[in-house]
Amino acid sequence: METLHLQYLTAAVVYALIGIVILVVSFWVIERISPENLWKEIIEKQNKALAILAAAFMIAIAIIISSAIHG
């Protein structure tokens, strides 16, 4: 019985790590194709609109990843 729970826990951790990697890679791609450095704009210039846009992008990608993983 405990092996079943360990199996589900392992699967959840693996899927979470895969989801995080996909999220980071997709943000990196968006960072590369955008004309400005997003991180510099958000941190140094305090661009709140761009920060909201980046957060919305991350939430949208996270929803897509979770739907793909959980079916």
PDB file of N, CA and C in Angstrom:
ATOM      1  N   MET A   1       0.822  -1.195   0.000  1.00  0.00           N
ATOM      2  CA  MET A   1       0.000   0.000   0.000  1.00  0.00           C
ATOM      3  C   MET A   1       0.864   1.257   0.000  1.00  0.00           C
ATOM      4  N   GLU A   2       1.945   1.238   0.760  1.00  0.00           N
ATOM      5  CA  GLU A   2       2.821   2.406   0.821  1.00  0.00           C
ATOM      6  C   GLU A   2       3.553   2.637  -0.497  1.00  0.00           C
ATOM      7  N   THR A   3       3.812   1.569  -1.259  1.00  0.00           N
ATOM      8  CA  THR A   3       4.494   1.745  -2.539  1.00  0.00           C
ATOM      9  C   THR A   3       3.625   2.509  -3.529  1.00  0.00           C
ATOM     10  N   LEU A   4       2.299   2.338  -3.443  1.00  0.00           N
ATOM     11  CA  LEU A   4       1.407   3.091  -4.309  1.00  0.00           C
ATOM     12  C   LEU A   4       1.496   4.583  -4.016  1.00  0.00           C
ATOM     13  N   HIS A   5       1.517   4.921  -2.747  1.00  0.00           N
ATOM     14  CA  HIS A   5       1.615   6.330  -2.376  1.00  0.00           C
ATOM     15  C   HIS A   5       2.967   6.904  -2.777  1.00  0.00           C
ATOM     16  N   LEU A   6       4.012   6.115  -2.642  1.00  0.00           N
ATOM     17  CA  LEU A   6       5.334   6.573  -3.055  1.00  0.00           C
ATOM     18  C   LEU A   6       5.388   6.748  -4.568  1.00  0.00           C
ATOM     19  N   GLN A   7       4.716   5.879  -5.288  1.00  0.00           N
ATOM     20  CA  GLN A   7       4.659   5.988  -6.744  1.00  0.00           C
ATOM     21  C   GLN A   7       3.958   7.280  -7.163  1.00  0.00           C
ATOM     22  N   TYR A   8       2.843   7.612  -6.532  1.00  0.00           N
ATOM     23  CA  TYR A   8       2.121   8.838  -6.856  1.00  0.00           C
ATOM     24  C   TYR A   8       2.924  10.078  -6.471  1.00  0.00           C
ATOM     25  N   LEU A   9       3.600  10.012  -5.343  1.00  0.00           N
ATOM     26  CA  LEU A   9       4.429  11.130  -4.905  1.00  0.00           C
ATOM     27  C   LEU A   9       5.587  11.353  -5.870  1.00  0.00           C
ATOM     28  N   THR A  10       6.222  10.282  -6.297  1.00  0.00           N
ATOM     29  CA  THR A  10       7.318  10.392  -7.262  1.00  0.00           C
ATOM     30  C   THR A  10       6.833  10.959  -8.582  1.00  0.00           C
ATOM     31  N   ALA A  11       5.693  10.500  -9.047  1.00  0.00           N
ATOM     32  CA  ALA A  11       5.137  11.013 -10.309  1.00  0.00           C
ATOM     33  C   ALA A  11       4.810  12.498 -10.194  1.00  0.00           C
ATOM     34  N   ALA A  12       4.254  12.907  -9.069  1.00  0.00           N
ATOM     35  CA  ALA A  12       3.921  14.318  -8.873  1.00  0.00           C
ATOM     36  C   ALA A  12       5.171  15.190  -8.873  1.00  0.00           C
ATOM     37  N   VAL A  13       6.225  14.730  -8.227  1.00  0.00           N
ATOM     38  CA  VAL A  13       7.481  15.494  -8.186  1.00  0.00           C
ATOM     39  C   VAL A  13       8.101  15.585  -9.575  1.00  0.00           C
ATOM     40  N   VAL A  14       8.110  14.482 -10.291  1.00  0.00           N
ATOM     41  CA  VAL A  14       8.687  14.481 -11.646  1.00  0.00           C
ATOM     42  C   VAL A  14       7.903  15.412 -12.564  1.00  0.00           C
ATOM     43  N   TYR A  15       6.567  15.321 -12.527  1.00  0.00           N
ATOM     44  CA  TYR A  15       5.748  16.195 -13.368  1.00  0.00           C
ATOM     45  C   TYR A  15       5.917  17.669 -12.976  1.00  0.00           C
ATOM     46  N   ALA A  16       6.044  17.949 -11.686  1.00  0.00           N
ATOM     47  CA  ALA A  16       6.257  19.326 -11.245  1.00  0.00           C
ATOM     48  C   ALA A  16       7.582  19.863 -11.769  1.00  0.00           C
ATOM     49  N   LEU A  17       8.625  19.052 -11.698  1.00  0.00           N
ATOM     50  CA  LEU A  17       9.929  19.488 -12.205  1.00  0.00           C
ATOM     51  C   LEU A  17       9.899  19.700 -13.713  1.00  0.00           C
ATOM     52  N   ILE A  18       9.230  18.815 -14.430  1.00  0.00           N
ATOM     53  CA  ILE A  18       9.097  18.975 -15.883  1.00  0.00           C
ATOM     54  C   ILE A  18       8.324  20.261 -16.198  1.00  0.00           C
ATOM     55  N   GLY A  19       7.271  20.519 -15.458  1.00  0.00           N
ATOM     56  CA  GLY A  19       6.489  21.739 -15.660  1.00  0.00           C
ATOM     57  C   GLY A  19       7.294  23.000 -15.403  1.00  0.00           C
ATOM     58  N   ILE A  20       8.101  22.993 -14.346  1.00  0.00           N
ATOM     59  CA  ILE A  20       8.946  24.151 -14.034  1.00  0.00           C
ATOM     60  C   ILE A  20       9.974  24.373 -15.128  1.00  0.00           C
ATOM     61  N   VAL A  21      10.569  23.295 -15.621  1.00  0.00           N
ATOM     62  CA  VAL A  21      11.559  23.421 -16.694  1.00  0.00           C
ATOM     63  C   VAL A  21      10.913  23.991 -17.954  1.00  0.00           C
ATOM     64  N   ILE A  22       9.734  23.503 -18.303  1.00  0.00           N
ATOM     65  CA  ILE A  22       9.033  24.010 -19.482  1.00  0.00           C
ATOM     66  C   ILE A  22       8.684  25.483 -19.303  1.00  0.00           C
ATOM     67  N   LEU A  23       8.264  25.881 -18.113  1.00  0.00           N
ATOM     68  CA  LEU A  23       7.933  27.272 -17.840  1.00  0.00           C
ATOM     69  C   LEU A  23       9.156  28.168 -17.984  1.00  0.00           C
ATOM     70  N   VAL A  24      10.283  27.751 -17.439  1.00  0.00           N
ATOM     71  CA  VAL A  24      11.511  28.543 -17.530  1.00  0.00           C
ATOM     72  C   VAL A  24      11.982  28.640 -18.981  1.00  0.00           C
ATOM     73  N   VAL A  25      11.939  27.542 -19.698  1.00  0.00           N
ATOM     74  CA  VAL A  25      12.370  27.554 -21.096  1.00  0.00           C
ATOM     75  C   VAL A  25      11.458  28.451 -21.932  1.00  0.00           C
ATOM     76  N   SER A  26      10.152  28.373 -21.711  1.00  0.00           N
ATOM     77  CA  SER A  26       9.243  29.214 -22.491  1.00  0.00           C
ATOM     78  C   SER A  26       9.441  30.695 -22.162  1.00  0.00           C
ATOM     79  N   PHE A  27       9.705  31.037 -20.905  1.00  0.00           N
ATOM     80  CA  PHE A  27       9.986  32.436 -20.573  1.00  0.00           C
ATOM     81  C   PHE A  27      11.303  32.878 -21.207  1.00  0.00           C
ATOM     82  N   TRP A  28      12.276  31.997 -21.240  1.00  0.00           N
ATOM     83  CA  TRP A  28      13.562  32.323 -21.867  1.00  0.00           C
ATOM     84  C   TRP A  28      13.374  32.599 -23.360  1.00  0.00           C
ATOM     85  N   VAL A  29      12.526  31.803 -24.014  1.00  0.00           N
ATOM     86  CA  VAL A  29      12.262  32.018 -25.441  1.00  0.00           C
ATOM     87  C   VAL A  29      11.611  33.379 -25.654  1.00  0.00           C
ATOM     88  N   ILE A  30      10.623  33.709 -24.833  1.00  0.00           N
ATOM     89  CA  ILE A  30       9.970  35.015 -24.938  1.00  0.00           C
ATOM     90  C   ILE A  30      10.974  36.132 -24.670  1.00  0.00           C
ATOM     91  N   GLU A  31      11.850  35.931 -23.729  1.00  0.00           N
ATOM     92  CA  GLU A  31      12.893  36.919 -23.420  1.00  0.00           C
ATOM     93  C   GLU A  31      13.798  37.144 -24.631  1.00  0.00           C
ATOM     94  N   ARG A  32      14.124  36.083 -25.339  1.00  0.00           N
ATOM     95  CA  ARG A  32      15.025  36.185 -26.492  1.00  0.00           C
ATOM     96  C   ARG A  32      14.369  36.837 -27.704  1.00  0.00           C
ATOM     97  N   ILE A  33      13.078  36.611 -27.915  1.00  0.00           N
ATOM     98  CA  ILE A  33      12.447  37.162 -29.110  1.00  0.00           C
ATOM     99  C   ILE A  33      11.902  38.572 -28.895  1.00  0.00           C
ATOM    100  N   SER A  34      11.855  39.030 -27.658  1.00  0.00           N
ATOM    101  CA  SER A  34      11.367  40.391 -27.409  1.00  0.00           C
ATOM    102  C   SER A  34      12.469  41.408 -27.718  1.00  0.00           C
ATOM    103  N   PRO A  35      12.082  42.607 -28.154  1.00  0.00           N
ATOM    104  CA  PRO A  35      13.094  43.601 -28.538  1.00  0.00           C
ATOM    105  C   PRO A  35      13.881  44.163 -27.352  1.00  0.00           C
ATOM    106  N   GLU A  36      13.292  44.221 -26.199  1.00  0.00           N
ATOM    107  CA  GLU A  36      13.965  44.744 -25.007  1.00  0.00           C
ATOM    108  C   GLU A  36      14.254  43.610 -24.039  1.00  0.00           C
ATOM    109  N   ASN A  37      15.177  43.854 -23.125  1.00  0.00           N
ATOM    110  CA  ASN A  37      15.462  42.899 -22.064  1.00  0.00           C
ATOM    111  C   ASN A  37      14.364  43.012 -21.010  1.00  0.00           C
ATOM    112  N   LEU A  38      13.493  42.006 -20.937  1.00  0.00           N
ATOM    113  CA  LEU A  38      12.341  42.070 -20.039  1.00  0.00           C
ATOM    114  C   LEU A  38      12.753  42.198 -18.582  1.00  0.00           C
ATOM    115  N   TRP A  39      13.736  41.429 -18.176  1.00  0.00           N
ATOM    116  CA  TRP A  39      14.144  41.434 -16.780  1.00  0.00           C
ATOM    117  C   TRP A  39      14.695  42.803 -16.388  1.00  0.00           C
ATOM    118  N   LYS A  40      15.478  43.400 -17.260  1.00  0.00           N
ATOM    119  CA  LYS A  40      16.040  44.727 -16.997  1.00  0.00           C
ATOM    120  C   LYS A  40      14.924  45.767 -16.921  1.00  0.00           C
ATOM    121  N   GLU A  41      13.968  45.687 -17.823  1.00  0.00           N
ATOM    122  CA  GLU A  41      12.836  46.618 -17.818  1.00  0.00           C
ATOM    123  C   GLU A  41      12.028  46.500 -16.525  1.00  0.00           C
ATOM    124  N   ILE A  42      11.807  45.285 -16.073  1.00  0.00           N
ATOM    125  CA  ILE A  42      10.987  45.073 -14.877  1.00  0.00           C
ATOM    126  C   ILE A  42      11.740  45.494 -13.617  1.00  0.00           C
ATOM    127  N   ILE A  43      12.985  45.079 -13.478  1.00  0.00           N
ATOM    128  CA  ILE A  43      13.736  45.327 -12.252  1.00  0.00           C
ATOM    129  C   ILE A  43      14.285  46.746 -12.177  1.00  0.00           C
ATOM    130  N   GLU A  44      15.001  47.169 -13.195  1.00  0.00           N
ATOM    131  CA  GLU A  44      15.675  48.462 -13.126  1.00  0.00           C
ATOM    132  C   GLU A  44      14.751  49.639 -13.412  1.00  0.00           C
ATOM    133  N   LYS A  45      13.898  49.503 -14.413  1.00  0.00           N
ATOM    134  CA  LYS A  45      13.035  50.622 -14.797  1.00  0.00           C
ATOM    135  C   LYS A  45      11.658  50.578 -14.131  1.00  0.00           C
ATOM    136  N   GLN A  46      11.415  49.543 -13.327  1.00  0.00           N
ATOM    137  CA  GLN A  46      10.160  49.388 -12.573  1.00  0.00           C
ATOM    138  C   GLN A  46       8.927  49.466 -13.480  1.00  0.00           C
ATOM    139  N   ASN A  47       8.979  48.782 -14.613  1.00  0.00           N
ATOM    140  CA  ASN A  47       7.879  48.779 -15.573  1.00  0.00           C
ATOM    141  C   ASN A  47       6.800  47.816 -15.081  1.00  0.00           C
ATOM    142  N   LYS A  48       5.778  48.370 -14.445  1.00  0.00           N
ATOM    143  CA  LYS A  48       4.721  47.548 -13.849  1.00  0.00           C
ATOM    144  C   LYS A  48       3.862  46.851 -14.899  1.00  0.00           C
ATOM    145  N   ALA A  49       3.619  47.520 -16.003  1.00  0.00           N
ATOM    146  CA  ALA A  49       2.803  46.913 -17.065  1.00  0.00           C
ATOM    147  C   ALA A  49       3.492  45.672 -17.634  1.00  0.00           C
ATOM    148  N   LEU A  50       4.786  45.757 -17.833  1.00  0.00           N
ATOM    149  CA  LEU A  50       5.530  44.611 -18.338  1.00  0.00           C
ATOM    150  C   LEU A  50       5.597  43.494 -17.301  1.00  0.00           C
ATOM    151  N   ALA A  51       5.672  43.862 -16.024  1.00  0.00           N
ATOM    152  CA  ALA A  51       5.661  42.855 -14.958  1.00  0.00           C
ATOM    153  C   ALA A  51       4.327  42.118 -14.925  1.00  0.00           C
ATOM    154  N   ILE A  52       3.237  42.837 -15.107  1.00  0.00           N
ATOM    155  CA  ILE A  52       1.910  42.211 -15.145  1.00  0.00           C
ATOM    156  C   ILE A  52       1.796  41.304 -16.360  1.00  0.00           C
ATOM    157  N   LEU A  53       2.301  41.762 -17.488  1.00  0.00           N
ATOM    158  CA  LEU A  53       2.283  40.940 -18.700  1.00  0.00           C
ATOM    159  C   LEU A  53       3.099  39.658 -18.517  1.00  0.00           C
ATOM    160  N   ALA A  54       4.271  39.763 -17.906  1.00  0.00           N
ATOM    161  CA  ALA A  54       5.101  38.580 -17.666  1.00  0.00           C
ATOM    162  C   ALA A  54       4.415  37.621 -16.693  1.00  0.00           C
ATOM    163  N   ALA A  55       3.775  38.166 -15.667  1.00  0.00           N
ATOM    164  CA  ALA A  55       3.056  37.312 -14.712  1.00  0.00           C
ATOM    165  C   ALA A  55       1.884  36.602 -15.377  1.00  0.00           C
ATOM    166  N   ALA A  56       1.158  37.329 -16.220  1.00  0.00           N
ATOM    167  CA  ALA A  56       0.034  36.716 -16.938  1.00  0.00           C
ATOM    168  C   ALA A  56       0.527  35.615 -17.867  1.00  0.00           C
ATOM    169  N   PHE A  57       1.662  35.844 -18.527  1.00  0.00           N
ATOM    170  CA  PHE A  57       2.249  34.822 -19.389  1.00  0.00           C
ATOM    171  C   PHE A  57       2.602  33.575 -18.580  1.00  0.00           C
ATOM    172  N   MET A  58       3.232  33.768 -17.423  1.00  0.00           N
ATOM    173  CA  MET A  58       3.621  32.619 -16.594  1.00  0.00           C
ATOM    174  C   MET A  58       2.402  31.857 -16.102  1.00  0.00           C
ATOM    175  N   ILE A  59       1.362  32.565 -15.712  1.00  0.00           N
ATOM    176  CA  ILE A  59       0.137  31.898 -15.259  1.00  0.00           C
ATOM    177  C   ILE A  59      -0.502  31.119 -16.405  1.00  0.00           C
ATOM    178  N   ALA A  60      -0.550  31.719 -17.588  1.00  0.00           N
ATOM    179  CA  ALA A  60      -1.143  31.037 -18.738  1.00  0.00           C
ATOM    180  C   ALA A  60      -0.363  29.778 -19.102  1.00  0.00           C
ATOM    181  N   ILE A  61       0.955  29.866 -19.134  1.00  0.00           N
ATOM    182  CA  ILE A  61       1.778  28.691 -19.442  1.00  0.00           C
ATOM    183  C   ILE A  61       1.607  27.630 -18.359  1.00  0.00           C
ATOM    184  N   ALA A  62       1.534  28.057 -17.091  1.00  0.00           N
ATOM    185  CA  ALA A  62       1.344  27.089 -16.001  1.00  0.00           C
ATOM    186  C   ALA A  62       0.002  26.361 -16.123  1.00  0.00           C
ATOM    187  N   ILE A  63      -1.030  27.073 -16.526  1.00  0.00           N
ATOM    188  CA  ILE A  63      -2.341  26.425 -16.723  1.00  0.00           C
ATOM    189  C   ILE A  63      -2.285  25.434 -17.870  1.00  0.00           C
ATOM    190  N   ILE A  64      -1.615  25.796 -18.959  1.00  0.00           N
ATOM    191  CA  ILE A  64      -1.477  24.893 -20.096  1.00  0.00           C
ATOM    192  C   ILE A  64      -0.691  23.645 -19.692  1.00  0.00           C
ATOM    193  N   ILE A  65       0.410  23.828 -18.970  1.00  0.00           N
ATOM    194  CA  ILE A  65       1.230  22.695 -18.542  1.00  0.00           C
ATOM    195  C   ILE A  65       0.444  21.783 -17.612  1.00  0.00           C
ATOM    196  N   SER A  66      -0.273  22.369 -16.646  1.00  0.00           N
ATOM    197  CA  SER A  66      -1.021  21.529 -15.707  1.00  0.00           C
ATOM    198  C   SER A  66      -2.143  20.767 -16.418  1.00  0.00           C
ATOM    199  N   SER A  67      -2.763  21.393 -17.398  1.00  0.00           N
ATOM    200  CA  SER A  67      -3.808  20.695 -18.155  1.00  0.00           C
ATOM    201  C   SER A  67      -3.210  19.554 -18.977  1.00  0.00           C
ATOM    202  N   ALA A  68      -2.042  19.785 -19.531  1.00  0.00           N
ATOM    203  CA  ALA A  68      -1.390  18.725 -20.321  1.00  0.00           C
ATOM    204  C   ALA A  68      -0.953  17.565 -19.429  1.00  0.00           C
ATOM    205  N   ILE A  69      -0.494  17.859 -18.246  1.00  0.00           N
ATOM    206  CA  ILE A  69      -0.018  16.799 -17.342  1.00  0.00           C
ATOM    207  C   ILE A  69      -1.180  16.015 -16.761  1.00  0.00           C
ATOM    208  N   HIS A  70      -2.217  16.704 -16.323  1.00  0.00           N
ATOM    209  CA  HIS A  70      -3.324  16.021 -15.634  1.00  0.00           C
ATOM    210  C   HIS A  70      -4.419  15.549 -16.571  1.00  0.00           C
ATOM    211  N   GLY A  71      -4.326  15.919 -17.818  1.00  0.00           N
ATOM    212  CA  GLY A  71      -5.280  15.420 -18.805  1.00  0.00           C
ATOM    213  C   GLY A  71      -6.522  16.164 -18.785  1.00  0.00           C
TER     214      GLY A  71
END
